[in-house]
Amino acid sequence: MPIRTTPGSSSRCPCPRHPASSSSSLPERWASPPPSRARSKPSCGPRTLIGARPGCSSSSNGTRCWGPEPACPLQSVPLDRVRSPREPRRNPRKRRRMIDRVPVITRDALASILVFALALAACGEQPAPLDARNHLGFWDAVRTLDLGVAEELATTVDERLFLEGLGVLLSGQSAQALESFCALAKTTGDEAVRRHAVTLASGLFRQAAVFGGKRDVDAFLDCIGIPMLLATRETEGDGTRTPAERNTEEGLRHLSEALGALMRDSLPADVLSFPDGPNAVALKRAKNGLPVVPVTVNGKTFDFLLDTGFSYSAVSASVARACGVSAWIKGRIPIEGSTGGTVSGQFGIVKQLSIGELGIENHTVLIIDDGDLTIADMALDGVLGWPVFHGLAVEIDPVLARVTFGRSNGPDGGLRNLYWIGEPIVRLAARDGSPLLFQLDTGLDVTFLSAGLLTRLGLEDIEGRRDTRSGLGGSLDVDALLVPELRLHAGDTQLDFTQLSAYERMGKQDFVRYDGCLGADVTHAGRVLVDFPAGRFEITVPDED
């Protein structure tokens, strides 16, 4: 998919419908997302074009804007041009009594009213807002992270406790959220609360194990338990079971054994050593455009895929043998890929993994057979998965062809738009400012949408086609709907997509209901920052001379 960018002041929409305007104003409470009806409208800020043509539209009939209407500026009217209405001569006493009963309209108030009326007259028809989600109840609102609506729909103490834990998780406090969900799963009598608490707690438990550090695994398994994990996997979804779910019992038992051993043993956590200055490595591209970087494993260098959507880092079996990385548990762990297929592997520890001058000691990896560690028939040496992104600030710069791995400054008090709830989640905005939830998966070559979003956008008579989706876990032929063009907003940056596919089934979804998935195509469009400790996802459009 060709990608072009229009940065800076020249990125303003060239037509009279979109004059230069100030930066967009997005909903303010990302850490505790607002109800879907609370909206603001992004303006024509810096744009990133991901598609065939630049400009407002790809219409053959000339310039046609399909983005947001700019907010109509209030025209200033000098006060000396606003005259007070002529007052009839009246008895002063009678006039005083009338003033006591009738509100006084001051000159300033009258001026404001007239200015507002002029502004309304100047404004044309504004774009219709995105249809609000029609929530079926409390859990539907929760799974779309409409916490404001969910709070209104909560009817029990346990539901409110679940919301509190989810708010803690959205703020980036994973350890506290794990304790909260574990305690709630053990004490609640509400089956739905327990099931969803187990889902989130098990994901947080896996994360805690992979990122190192010891926890009370016995207390966790006593709280959650393998039977409950099995029951959770069996009862979720629409009844269709993936290969991973068909192998649930064996896989979960091996996973529990592996993670339990990791937690109980005196295995040290990841130890990161940062260089004094910036740490940048060359950005390479696989044949399908996926981002690849050089990584040194125990002294030997290989090319690893940058994959935010993969829950673990991984190495191929041949790389593991060449670098002396051995499995420390016999059982194989089935992992569901982005296309719904599975790969399996064994946990190992890389004593020294280096990315440029950044060193990571004792990094947990999944050792996967060479034939399974492929994407679109392309063999991979290894994968830098979410465990690497989790603790760092990673910047992908397609213009300078480099990736910078650095120390995050952590939360800065700003609004978060990047979360982790079993998967990394980015909060974007529709053209009218309505919040949207997208997975962040740089292991997929292109961005795609959920078919449910098309309904909310009011898109009808969409052409269908047959797509092949590829990822770890194999390829999948699926029916798709073709969206000719769509504008999204990531902060102040506009993302203009063309030829997007929308699917009825998004692939793996554990808890959150997504509007789509951001793929690796966005890493071609501008400088992408993924800073999870700070909760920041940014796309910066490069300047043009």
Protein backbone atom coordinates (compact mmCIF):
# COMPACT_ATOMS: atom_id res chain seq x y z
CA MET A 1 0.00 0.00 0.00
CA PRO A 2 1.63 3.29 -1.05
CA ILE A 3 1.96 5.79 1.75
CA ARG A 4 2.50 9.52 1.51
CA THR A 5 2.62 12.16 4.19
CA THR A 6 1.74 15.84 4.24
CA PRO A 7 3.39 17.50 7.23
CA GLY A 8 3.37 20.82 9.03
CA SER A 9 1.53 23.86 7.77
CA SER A 10 1.33 22.42 4.27
CA SER A 11 -0.65 19.53 5.70
CA ARG A 12 -3.64 21.77 6.25
CA CYS A 13 -6.51 20.92 3.97
CA PRO A 14 -6.07 23.07 0.81
CA CYS A 15 -9.76 23.64 0.16
CA PRO A 16 -11.85 26.53 1.56
CA ARG A 17 -13.87 24.02 3.55
CA HIS A 18 -10.84 23.22 5.73
CA PRO A 19 -8.91 26.41 6.58
CA ALA A 20 -5.87 26.28 8.82
CA SER A 21 -6.98 25.70 12.37
CA SER A 22 -5.61 25.00 15.79
CA SER A 23 -4.64 21.54 17.01
CA SER A 24 -7.36 19.10 17.73
CA SER A 25 -9.04 18.76 21.08
CA LEU A 26 -9.69 15.18 22.04
CA PRO A 27 -11.72 13.90 24.98
CA GLU A 28 -9.85 14.73 28.19
CA ARG A 29 -10.17 11.70 30.49
CA TRP A 30 -8.34 8.92 28.67
CA ALA A 31 -7.26 7.24 31.93
CA SER A 32 -10.93 6.87 32.78
CA PRO A 33 -12.56 6.99 29.35
CA PRO A 34 -15.66 9.12 28.99
CA PRO A 35 -19.05 7.94 27.81
CA SER A 36 -19.32 7.66 24.06
CA ARG A 37 -21.61 10.67 23.94
CA ALA A 38 -18.87 13.00 25.26
CA ARG A 39 -17.18 14.22 22.08
CA SER A 40 -15.02 16.92 20.64
CA LYS A 41 -13.98 17.55 17.06
CA PRO A 42 -10.39 17.29 15.86
CA SER A 43 -9.45 19.99 13.40
CA CYS A 44 -7.49 19.75 10.17
CA GLY A 45 -4.15 19.25 11.90
CA PRO A 46 -1.08 17.48 10.52
CA ARG A 47 -2.14 14.67 8.24
CA THR A 48 -0.67 11.33 7.43
CA LEU A 49 -1.89 9.92 4.13
CA ILE A 50 -2.00 6.13 4.01
CA GLY A 51 -3.31 5.37 0.56
CA ALA A 52 -3.25 6.24 -3.09
CA ARG A 53 -3.68 10.02 -3.31
CA PRO A 54 -2.90 13.07 -1.19
CA GLY A 55 -5.35 15.89 -0.53
CA CYS A 56 -8.80 16.05 0.85
CA SER A 57 -10.13 13.23 -1.29
CA SER A 58 -9.30 10.86 -4.08
CA SER A 59 -12.42 11.88 -6.03
CA SER A 60 -11.95 12.13 -9.79
CA ASN A 61 -14.39 15.04 -9.89
CA GLY A 62 -12.08 17.36 -8.05
CA THR A 63 -11.41 18.17 -4.44
CA ARG A 64 -13.97 16.59 -2.14
CA CYS A 65 -13.51 16.69 1.61
CA TRP A 66 -14.62 13.70 3.58
CA GLY A 67 -12.97 14.63 6.85
CA PRO A 68 -14.33 16.64 9.77
CA GLU A 69 -15.79 20.07 9.26
CA PRO A 70 -13.71 22.72 11.02
CA ALA A 71 -15.26 24.35 14.02
CA CYS A 72 -16.71 27.70 12.90
CA PRO A 73 -14.67 30.55 14.41
CA LEU A 74 -16.59 33.24 16.25
CA GLN A 75 -16.29 36.49 14.36
CA SER A 76 -15.32 39.43 16.54
CA VAL A 77 -17.78 42.32 16.47
CA PRO A 78 -16.69 45.69 17.98
CA LEU A 79 -18.88 46.66 20.88
CA ASP A 80 -19.32 50.20 19.53
CA ARG A 81 -21.28 48.70 16.65
CA VAL A 82 -23.76 47.03 19.00
CA ARG A 83 -26.35 49.62 20.04
CA SER A 84 -28.69 49.22 22.99
CA PRO A 85 -32.37 49.23 21.95
CA ARG A 86 -34.10 52.57 22.28
CA GLU A 87 -36.03 52.72 25.53
CA PRO A 88 -39.43 54.48 25.70
CA ARG A 89 -39.89 57.27 28.19
CA ARG A 90 -41.52 55.87 31.29
CA ASN A 91 -42.28 56.90 34.82
CA PRO A 92 -38.97 56.24 36.65
CA ARG A 93 -40.74 54.49 39.52
CA LYS A 94 -42.67 52.22 37.17
CA ARG A 95 -39.47 51.53 35.20
CA ARG A 96 -37.63 50.68 38.41
CA ARG A 97 -40.33 48.20 39.42
CA MET A 98 -40.25 46.61 35.95
CA ILE A 99 -36.47 46.23 36.12
CA ASP A 100 -36.87 44.49 39.45
CA ARG A 101 -39.03 41.88 37.72
CA VAL A 102 -37.36 41.54 34.30
CA PRO A 103 -33.75 40.28 33.78
CA VAL A 104 -31.39 42.94 32.50
CA ILE A 105 -29.53 42.24 29.24
CA THR A 106 -26.26 44.08 29.43
CA ARG A 107 -24.39 45.40 26.42
CA ASP A 108 -21.74 42.67 26.82
CA ALA A 109 -24.38 39.94 26.99
CA LEU A 110 -26.17 41.34 23.96
CA ALA A 111 -22.91 41.52 22.08
CA SER A 112 -22.20 37.87 22.90
CA ILE A 113 -25.66 36.84 21.70
CA LEU A 114 -25.24 38.72 18.43
CA VAL A 115 -21.76 37.31 17.88
CA PHE A 116 -23.02 33.79 18.54
CA ALA A 117 -25.91 34.33 16.11
CA LEU A 118 -23.50 35.54 13.45
CA ALA A 119 -21.30 32.51 14.02
CA LEU A 120 -24.26 30.15 13.66
CA ALA A 121 -25.31 31.86 10.46
CA ALA A 122 -21.79 31.52 9.08
CA CYS A 123 -21.57 27.83 9.86
CA GLY A 124 -22.70 25.35 7.28
CA GLU A 125 -24.06 21.92 7.98
CA GLN A 126 -21.74 20.02 10.34
CA PRO A 127 -20.96 16.31 9.83
CA ALA A 128 -23.25 13.96 11.65
CA PRO A 129 -21.66 12.53 14.83
CA LEU A 130 -20.65 8.91 14.95
CA ASP A 131 -23.55 6.80 16.13
CA ALA A 132 -23.21 6.08 19.83
CA ARG A 133 -22.73 2.48 20.83
CA ASN A 134 -26.01 0.88 21.76
CA HIS A 135 -24.85 -0.90 24.88
CA LEU A 136 -26.72 -4.06 25.74
CA GLY A 137 -25.86 -3.65 29.40
CA PHE A 138 -23.10 -3.19 31.93
CA TRP A 139 -20.65 -5.70 30.47
CA ASP A 140 -21.08 -4.45 26.93
CA ALA A 141 -20.12 -0.96 28.12
CA VAL A 142 -17.17 -2.34 30.10
CA ARG A 143 -15.75 -4.31 27.17
CA THR A 144 -15.77 -1.19 25.01
CA LEU A 145 -14.11 0.75 27.86
CA ASP A 146 -17.02 3.18 28.11
CA LEU A 147 -16.44 3.37 31.85
CA GLY A 148 -18.65 6.39 32.35
CA VAL A 149 -21.64 4.55 30.90
CA ALA A 150 -20.66 1.36 32.73
CA GLU A 151 -20.63 3.24 36.03
CA GLU A 152 -24.19 4.36 35.39
CA LEU A 153 -25.24 0.80 34.51
CA ALA A 154 -23.50 -0.92 37.46
CA THR A 155 -26.03 -2.36 39.89
CA THR A 156 -23.91 -4.30 42.40
CA VAL A 157 -20.92 -3.66 44.64
CA ASP A 158 -18.87 -6.31 42.81
CA GLU A 159 -19.51 -4.66 39.44
CA ARG A 160 -18.26 -1.37 40.86
CA LEU A 161 -15.21 -3.10 42.34
CA PHE A 162 -14.49 -4.58 38.91
CA LEU A 163 -14.70 -1.10 37.39
CA GLU A 164 -12.25 0.20 40.00
CA GLY A 165 -9.77 -2.55 39.12
CA LEU A 166 -10.15 -1.82 35.42
CA GLY A 167 -9.51 1.87 36.06
CA VAL A 168 -6.32 0.95 37.92
CA LEU A 169 -5.24 -1.22 34.97
CA LEU A 170 -5.94 1.57 32.48
CA SER A 171 -3.74 3.89 34.53
CA GLY A 172 -0.81 1.51 33.96
CA GLN A 173 -0.64 -0.01 37.46
CA SER A 174 -0.56 -3.67 36.45
CA ALA A 175 0.59 -5.11 39.78
CA GLN A 176 -2.19 -3.43 41.74
CA ALA A 177 -4.74 -4.46 39.11
CA LEU A 178 -3.59 -8.09 39.37
CA GLU A 179 -4.11 -8.08 43.12
CA SER A 180 -7.52 -6.43 42.72
CA PHE A 181 -8.83 -8.88 40.12
CA CYS A 182 -7.42 -11.89 41.94
CA ALA A 183 -9.09 -10.90 45.20
CA LEU A 184 -12.36 -10.15 43.43
CA ALA A 185 -12.34 -13.49 41.59
CA LYS A 186 -11.92 -15.29 44.90
CA THR A 187 -14.65 -13.48 46.83
CA THR A 188 -17.39 -12.59 44.36
CA GLY A 189 -20.57 -14.59 44.01
CA ASP A 190 -21.33 -13.03 40.62
CA GLU A 191 -20.34 -15.50 37.90
CA ALA A 192 -19.87 -12.82 35.23
CA VAL A 193 -17.65 -10.73 37.52
CA ARG A 194 -15.61 -13.81 38.38
CA ARG A 195 -15.21 -14.91 34.77
CA HIS A 196 -13.99 -11.52 33.55
CA ALA A 197 -11.79 -11.00 36.62
CA VAL A 198 -10.14 -14.36 35.88
CA THR A 199 -9.60 -13.39 32.23
CA LEU A 200 -7.80 -10.18 33.15
CA ALA A 201 -5.93 -11.66 36.12
CA SER A 202 -4.59 -14.58 34.07
CA GLY A 203 -3.29 -12.19 31.41
CA LEU A 204 -1.65 -10.03 34.06
CA PHE A 205 -0.18 -13.12 35.69
CA ARG A 206 1.42 -14.22 32.42
CA GLN A 207 2.78 -10.71 31.97
CA ALA A 208 4.23 -10.64 35.48
CA ALA A 209 5.94 -13.99 34.92
CA VAL A 210 7.43 -13.15 31.56
CA PHE A 211 8.71 -9.76 32.70
CA GLY A 212 10.49 -11.41 35.60
CA GLY A 213 10.29 -11.02 39.35
CA LYS A 214 8.83 -13.44 41.88
CA ARG A 215 5.21 -13.49 42.94
CA ASP A 216 3.11 -15.76 45.09
CA VAL A 217 2.12 -18.19 42.36
CA ASP A 218 0.53 -20.61 44.84
CA ALA A 219 -1.80 -17.89 46.10
CA PHE A 220 -2.65 -16.98 42.53
CA LEU A 221 -3.46 -20.54 41.48
CA ASP A 222 -5.45 -21.01 44.67
CA CYS A 223 -7.39 -17.87 43.79
CA ILE A 224 -7.88 -18.56 40.09
CA GLY A 225 -7.16 -22.23 39.63
CA ILE A 226 -6.75 -24.29 36.48
CA PRO A 227 -10.41 -25.44 36.52
CA MET A 228 -11.57 -21.84 36.46
CA LEU A 229 -9.17 -20.99 33.65
CA LEU A 230 -10.55 -23.91 31.67
CA ALA A 231 -14.13 -22.90 32.36
CA THR A 232 -13.37 -19.33 31.31
CA ARG A 233 -11.91 -20.36 27.98
CA GLU A 234 -14.79 -22.75 27.33
CA THR A 235 -17.57 -20.23 28.00
CA GLU A 236 -16.22 -17.20 26.16
CA GLY A 237 -17.07 -16.27 22.60
CA ASP A 238 -19.78 -17.51 20.30
CA GLY A 239 -19.15 -21.22 20.82
CA THR A 240 -16.63 -21.56 17.98
CA ARG A 241 -13.46 -23.11 19.34
CA THR A 242 -10.06 -22.39 17.86
CA PRO A 243 -7.29 -25.00 17.82
CA ALA A 244 -5.86 -23.26 20.89
CA GLU A 245 -9.14 -23.72 22.72
CA ARG A 246 -9.42 -27.36 21.64
CA ASN A 247 -6.04 -27.92 23.29
CA THR A 248 -6.93 -25.77 26.27
CA GLU A 249 -6.44 -28.25 29.06
CA GLU A 250 -3.02 -29.50 28.02
CA GLY A 251 -1.84 -26.03 27.02
CA LEU A 252 -2.96 -24.35 30.21
CA ARG A 253 -1.45 -27.05 32.37
CA HIS A 254 1.88 -26.69 30.60
CA LEU A 255 1.61 -22.92 30.80
CA SER A 256 0.82 -23.09 34.49
CA GLU A 257 3.75 -25.45 35.04
CA ALA A 258 6.11 -23.20 33.09
CA LEU A 259 5.02 -19.96 34.70
CA GLY A 260 4.82 -21.57 38.10
CA ALA A 261 8.38 -22.83 37.76
CA LEU A 262 9.50 -19.41 36.59
CA MET A 263 7.83 -17.73 39.56
CA ARG A 264 8.99 -20.21 42.19
CA ASP A 265 12.56 -20.63 41.03
CA SER A 266 15.18 -18.06 41.88
CA LEU A 267 15.35 -16.88 38.29
CA PRO A 268 16.34 -13.22 38.19
CA ALA A 269 14.17 -10.68 36.47
CA ASP A 270 15.21 -8.94 33.25
CA VAL A 271 18.12 -6.62 33.91
CA LEU A 272 18.34 -3.69 31.51
CA SER A 273 21.56 -1.74 30.97
CA PHE A 274 21.16 1.54 29.08
CA PRO A 275 23.90 3.40 27.21
CA ASP A 276 24.74 6.97 28.18
CA GLY A 277 23.53 8.41 24.87
CA PRO A 278 20.78 7.62 22.35
CA ASN A 279 20.48 4.00 21.29
CA ALA A 280 19.40 3.64 17.67
CA VAL A 281 19.63 0.60 15.39
CA ALA A 282 18.97 0.23 11.68
CA LEU A 283 15.37 -0.27 10.59
CA LYS A 284 15.02 -2.96 7.96
CA ARG A 285 11.91 -4.16 6.17
CA ALA A 286 10.75 -7.66 5.44
CA LYS A 287 9.38 -8.33 1.98
CA ASN A 288 5.86 -7.52 3.14
CA GLY A 289 6.94 -4.28 4.83
CA LEU A 290 7.10 -5.51 8.42
CA PRO A 291 9.72 -3.78 10.64
CA VAL A 292 12.88 -5.79 11.37
CA VAL A 293 15.89 -4.86 13.53
CA PRO A 294 19.28 -6.49 14.27
CA VAL A 295 19.44 -8.25 17.64
CA THR A 296 22.41 -9.98 19.26
CA VAL A 297 21.69 -13.22 21.14
CA ASN A 298 24.54 -14.44 23.32
CA GLY A 299 27.06 -12.79 21.00
CA LYS A 300 25.51 -13.71 17.62
CA THR A 301 23.47 -11.25 15.55
CA PHE A 302 20.19 -12.00 13.79
CA ASP A 303 17.25 -10.08 12.35
CA PHE A 304 14.20 -9.99 14.63
CA LEU A 305 10.68 -8.89 13.82
CA LEU A 306 9.26 -5.99 15.87
CA ASP A 307 5.85 -7.31 16.89
CA THR A 308 3.81 -5.42 19.47
CA GLY A 309 0.99 -7.94 19.10
CA PHE A 310 2.98 -11.00 20.22
CA SER A 311 2.77 -11.72 23.95
CA TYR A 312 6.32 -13.08 24.21
CA SER A 313 9.70 -12.61 22.65
CA ALA A 314 10.66 -15.64 20.58
CA VAL A 315 13.59 -17.31 18.83
CA SER A 316 13.59 -20.03 16.23
CA ALA A 317 14.78 -23.47 17.25
CA SER A 318 17.84 -23.17 15.00
CA VAL A 319 18.82 -19.82 16.54
CA ALA A 320 18.34 -21.30 20.01
CA ARG A 321 20.68 -24.18 19.17
CA ALA A 322 23.28 -21.86 17.64
CA CYS A 323 23.24 -19.56 20.67
CA GLY A 324 23.04 -22.14 23.44
CA VAL A 325 19.49 -21.29 24.52
CA SER A 326 17.85 -24.42 25.89
CA ALA A 327 14.32 -25.09 27.06
CA TRP A 328 13.98 -25.45 30.80
CA ILE A 329 10.61 -27.20 30.75
CA LYS A 330 9.45 -30.15 28.64
CA GLY A 331 5.86 -29.12 28.00
CA ARG A 332 5.02 -27.10 24.89
CA ILE A 333 2.95 -23.96 25.25
CA PRO A 334 0.32 -23.28 22.54
CA ILE A 335 0.08 -19.59 21.68
CA GLU A 336 -2.77 -18.16 19.64
CA GLY A 337 -1.62 -15.95 16.78
CA SER A 338 -3.26 -12.86 15.33
CA THR A 339 -5.09 -14.87 12.67
CA GLY A 340 -6.58 -17.31 15.17
CA GLY A 341 -4.11 -20.11 14.43
CA THR A 342 -1.62 -21.42 16.96
CA VAL A 343 2.09 -21.94 17.33
CA SER A 344 3.67 -23.82 20.19
CA GLY A 345 7.02 -23.56 21.87
CA GLN A 346 9.06 -24.05 25.01
CA PHE A 347 10.30 -21.38 27.39
CA GLY A 348 14.00 -20.60 27.51
CA ILE A 349 16.22 -17.89 28.96
CA VAL A 350 18.58 -15.76 26.87
CA LYS A 351 21.44 -14.80 29.15
CA GLN A 352 22.43 -11.75 27.14
CA LEU A 353 20.23 -10.10 24.50
CA SER A 354 21.46 -6.83 22.99
CA ILE A 355 19.65 -4.29 20.83
CA GLY A 356 22.34 -1.86 19.79
CA GLU A 357 23.92 -0.66 23.05
CA LEU A 358 20.90 -1.69 25.12
CA GLY A 359 21.54 -4.90 27.05
CA ILE A 360 18.86 -7.20 28.48
CA GLU A 361 20.03 -10.02 30.73
CA ASN A 362 17.99 -13.15 31.49
CA HIS A 363 15.31 -12.42 28.90
CA THR A 364 12.52 -15.02 28.74
CA VAL A 365 11.82 -16.23 25.19
CA LEU A 366 9.64 -18.83 23.56
CA ILE A 367 11.59 -21.34 21.45
CA ILE A 368 9.48 -22.09 18.36
CA ASP A 369 10.15 -24.62 15.60
CA ASP A 370 11.58 -23.05 12.45
CA GLY A 371 8.63 -24.13 10.34
CA ASP A 372 6.17 -22.43 12.70
CA LEU A 373 8.04 -19.15 13.16
CA THR A 374 6.96 -17.74 9.80
CA ILE A 375 4.73 -14.99 8.44
CA ALA A 376 3.43 -15.22 4.86
CA ASP A 377 5.97 -18.00 4.12
CA MET A 378 8.79 -15.78 5.39
CA ALA A 379 11.05 -17.47 7.95
CA LEU A 380 11.97 -15.43 11.03
CA ASP A 381 15.05 -15.69 13.22
CA GLY A 382 13.16 -14.27 16.17
CA VAL A 383 10.59 -11.83 17.46
CA LEU A 384 10.88 -8.88 19.82
CA GLY A 385 7.43 -9.03 21.37
CA TRP A 386 5.50 -6.97 23.87
CA PRO A 387 7.83 -7.77 26.82
CA VAL A 388 10.44 -5.54 25.16
CA PHE A 389 7.99 -2.72 24.43
CA HIS A 390 6.47 -2.98 27.89
CA GLY A 391 9.36 -1.34 29.74
CA LEU A 392 10.88 0.95 27.11
CA ALA A 393 10.20 3.96 24.93
CA VAL A 394 10.51 2.68 21.35
CA GLU A 395 10.53 5.08 18.41
CA ILE A 396 10.30 3.85 14.81
CA ASP A 397 11.51 6.44 12.30
CA PRO A 398 10.89 5.46 8.65
CA VAL A 399 12.56 8.60 7.26
CA LEU A 400 15.88 8.04 9.02
CA ALA A 401 15.40 4.25 8.77
CA ARG A 402 16.17 3.65 12.41
CA VAL A 403 14.54 2.42 15.60
CA THR A 404 15.46 3.97 18.95
CA PHE A 405 15.17 1.91 22.13
CA GLY A 406 15.46 4.11 25.18
CA ARG A 407 14.53 4.61 28.77
CA SER A 408 11.00 5.85 29.35
CA ASN A 409 10.49 8.85 31.59
CA GLY A 410 7.31 7.24 32.86
CA PRO A 411 3.98 8.95 33.44
CA ASP A 412 4.17 12.70 32.96
CA GLY A 413 0.70 13.55 34.18
CA GLY A 414 -0.64 13.75 30.65
CA LEU A 415 -3.54 11.83 29.20
CA ARG A 416 -2.88 8.17 28.37
CA ASN A 417 -3.93 6.76 25.02
CA LEU A 418 -1.98 3.48 25.19
CA TYR A 419 -3.10 0.63 27.44
CA TRP A 420 -2.44 -3.06 27.95
CA ILE A 421 -5.44 -5.30 28.59
CA GLY A 422 -4.22 -8.66 27.36
CA GLU A 423 -3.15 -6.84 24.19
CA PRO A 424 -1.75 -3.35 23.61
CA ILE A 425 -4.64 -1.00 22.91
CA VAL A 426 -4.51 2.45 21.31
CA ARG A 427 -7.30 4.94 21.71
CA LEU A 428 -7.89 6.79 18.44
CA ALA A 429 -10.71 9.12 17.41
CA ALA A 430 -13.21 9.18 14.59
CA ARG A 431 -13.62 12.30 12.48
CA ASP A 432 -16.00 13.86 15.02
CA GLY A 433 -13.81 13.04 18.02
CA SER A 434 -15.67 9.90 19.12
CA PRO A 435 -13.20 7.52 20.83
CA LEU A 436 -12.25 4.29 19.05
CA LEU A 437 -10.28 1.30 20.35
CA PHE A 438 -7.66 -0.31 18.12
CA GLN A 439 -5.26 -3.14 18.78
CA LEU A 440 -1.63 -2.25 18.10
CA ASP A 441 -0.03 -5.08 16.15
CA THR A 442 3.09 -4.30 14.13
CA GLY A 443 3.28 -7.98 13.23
CA LEU A 444 0.42 -7.41 10.76
CA ASP A 445 1.27 -5.70 7.49
CA VAL A 446 -1.89 -3.59 7.11
CA THR A 447 -4.50 -1.91 9.27
CA PHE A 448 -8.03 -3.33 9.22
CA LEU A 449 -11.41 -2.55 10.75
CA SER A 450 -14.19 -4.44 12.45
CA ALA A 451 -17.43 -4.74 10.51
CA GLY A 452 -19.24 -3.36 13.55
CA LEU A 453 -17.48 -0.02 13.11
CA LEU A 454 -18.94 0.33 9.61
CA THR A 455 -22.43 0.16 11.08
CA ARG A 456 -21.61 2.94 13.53
CA LEU A 457 -20.08 5.00 10.71
CA GLY A 458 -23.27 4.57 8.70
CA LEU A 459 -21.39 3.06 5.75
CA GLU A 460 -23.70 1.02 3.52
CA ASP A 461 -23.49 -0.77 0.18
CA ILE A 462 -19.84 -1.63 0.80
CA GLU A 463 -18.21 -3.84 -1.79
CA GLY A 464 -17.09 -7.28 -0.62
CA ARG A 465 -13.94 -9.19 -1.45
CA ARG A 466 -11.87 -12.17 -0.34
CA ASP A 467 -8.74 -11.45 1.69
CA THR A 468 -5.80 -13.51 2.89
CA ARG A 469 -4.57 -12.49 6.34
CA SER A 470 -1.14 -13.65 7.44
CA GLY A 471 0.54 -13.64 10.82
CA LEU A 472 2.19 -15.88 13.37
CA GLY A 473 -0.07 -18.89 13.46
CA GLY A 474 -0.55 -19.15 9.70
CA SER A 475 -2.65 -17.58 6.99
CA LEU A 476 -6.40 -17.29 6.85
CA ASP A 477 -8.76 -16.65 3.92
CA VAL A 478 -11.65 -14.48 5.07
CA ASP A 479 -14.56 -12.51 3.64
CA ALA A 480 -13.99 -8.77 3.87
CA LEU A 481 -15.77 -5.51 3.18
CA LEU A 482 -13.76 -2.91 1.26
CA VAL A 483 -13.77 0.64 2.67
CA PRO A 484 -12.52 3.05 -0.03
CA GLU A 485 -11.34 5.76 2.37
CA LEU A 486 -11.42 6.57 6.06
CA ARG A 487 -9.97 9.26 8.30
CA LEU A 488 -8.88 8.58 11.87
CA HIS A 489 -7.07 10.75 14.38
CA ALA A 490 -4.10 9.82 16.56
CA GLY A 491 -3.73 12.81 18.83
CA ASP A 492 -3.24 15.84 16.57
CA THR A 493 -2.31 13.75 13.54
CA GLN A 494 -4.81 12.77 10.89
CA LEU A 495 -4.48 9.30 9.41
CA ASP A 496 -6.07 9.03 5.97
CA PHE A 497 -6.49 5.41 4.90
CA THR A 498 -7.59 4.03 1.56
CA GLN A 499 -8.66 0.53 0.56
CA LEU A 500 -9.20 -0.73 4.11
CA SER A 501 -10.67 -4.15 4.81
CA ALA A 502 -13.30 -4.75 7.48
CA TYR A 503 -13.91 -8.19 8.98
CA GLU A 504 -16.75 -9.76 10.89
CA ARG A 505 -14.26 -11.70 13.02
CA MET A 506 -11.26 -9.77 14.29
CA GLY A 507 -9.16 -12.78 15.25
CA LYS A 508 -8.20 -13.32 18.87
CA GLN A 509 -10.05 -11.15 21.36
CA ASP A 510 -9.78 -11.84 25.06
CA PHE A 511 -11.75 -9.06 26.71
CA VAL A 512 -11.92 -5.73 24.86
CA ARG A 513 -14.14 -5.30 21.83
CA TYR A 514 -12.09 -3.49 19.24
CA ASP A 515 -12.99 -1.19 16.37
CA GLY A 516 -9.96 -2.31 14.39
CA CYS A 517 -6.27 -3.10 14.41
CA LEU A 518 -3.37 -0.79 13.60
CA GLY A 519 -0.82 -2.67 11.55
CA ALA A 520 2.74 -2.03 10.41
CA ASP A 521 1.58 0.26 7.60
CA VAL A 522 1.44 3.14 10.10
CA THR A 523 5.19 2.72 10.67
CA HIS A 524 5.70 3.80 7.04
CA ALA A 525 3.63 6.95 7.43
CA GLY A 526 5.52 8.83 10.11
CA ARG A 527 7.65 8.58 13.23
CA VAL A 528 5.84 6.24 15.64
CA LEU A 529 6.43 6.38 19.39
CA VAL A 530 5.33 3.48 21.61
CA ASP A 531 6.01 4.46 25.23
CA PHE A 532 3.93 2.15 27.40
CA PRO A 533 5.28 3.27 30.81
CA ALA A 534 4.10 6.79 29.93
CA GLY A 535 0.94 5.53 28.23
CA ARG A 536 1.81 7.37 25.01
CA PHE A 537 1.28 6.40 21.39
CA GLU A 538 2.19 9.10 18.89
CA ILE A 539 2.60 9.45 15.15
CA THR A 540 4.60 12.47 14.02
CA VAL A 541 4.40 13.54 10.40
CA PRO A 542 7.81 14.44 8.96
CA ASP A 543 8.36 18.00 7.70
CA GLU A 544 8.75 18.57 3.97
CA ASP A 545 11.11 21.14 2.53
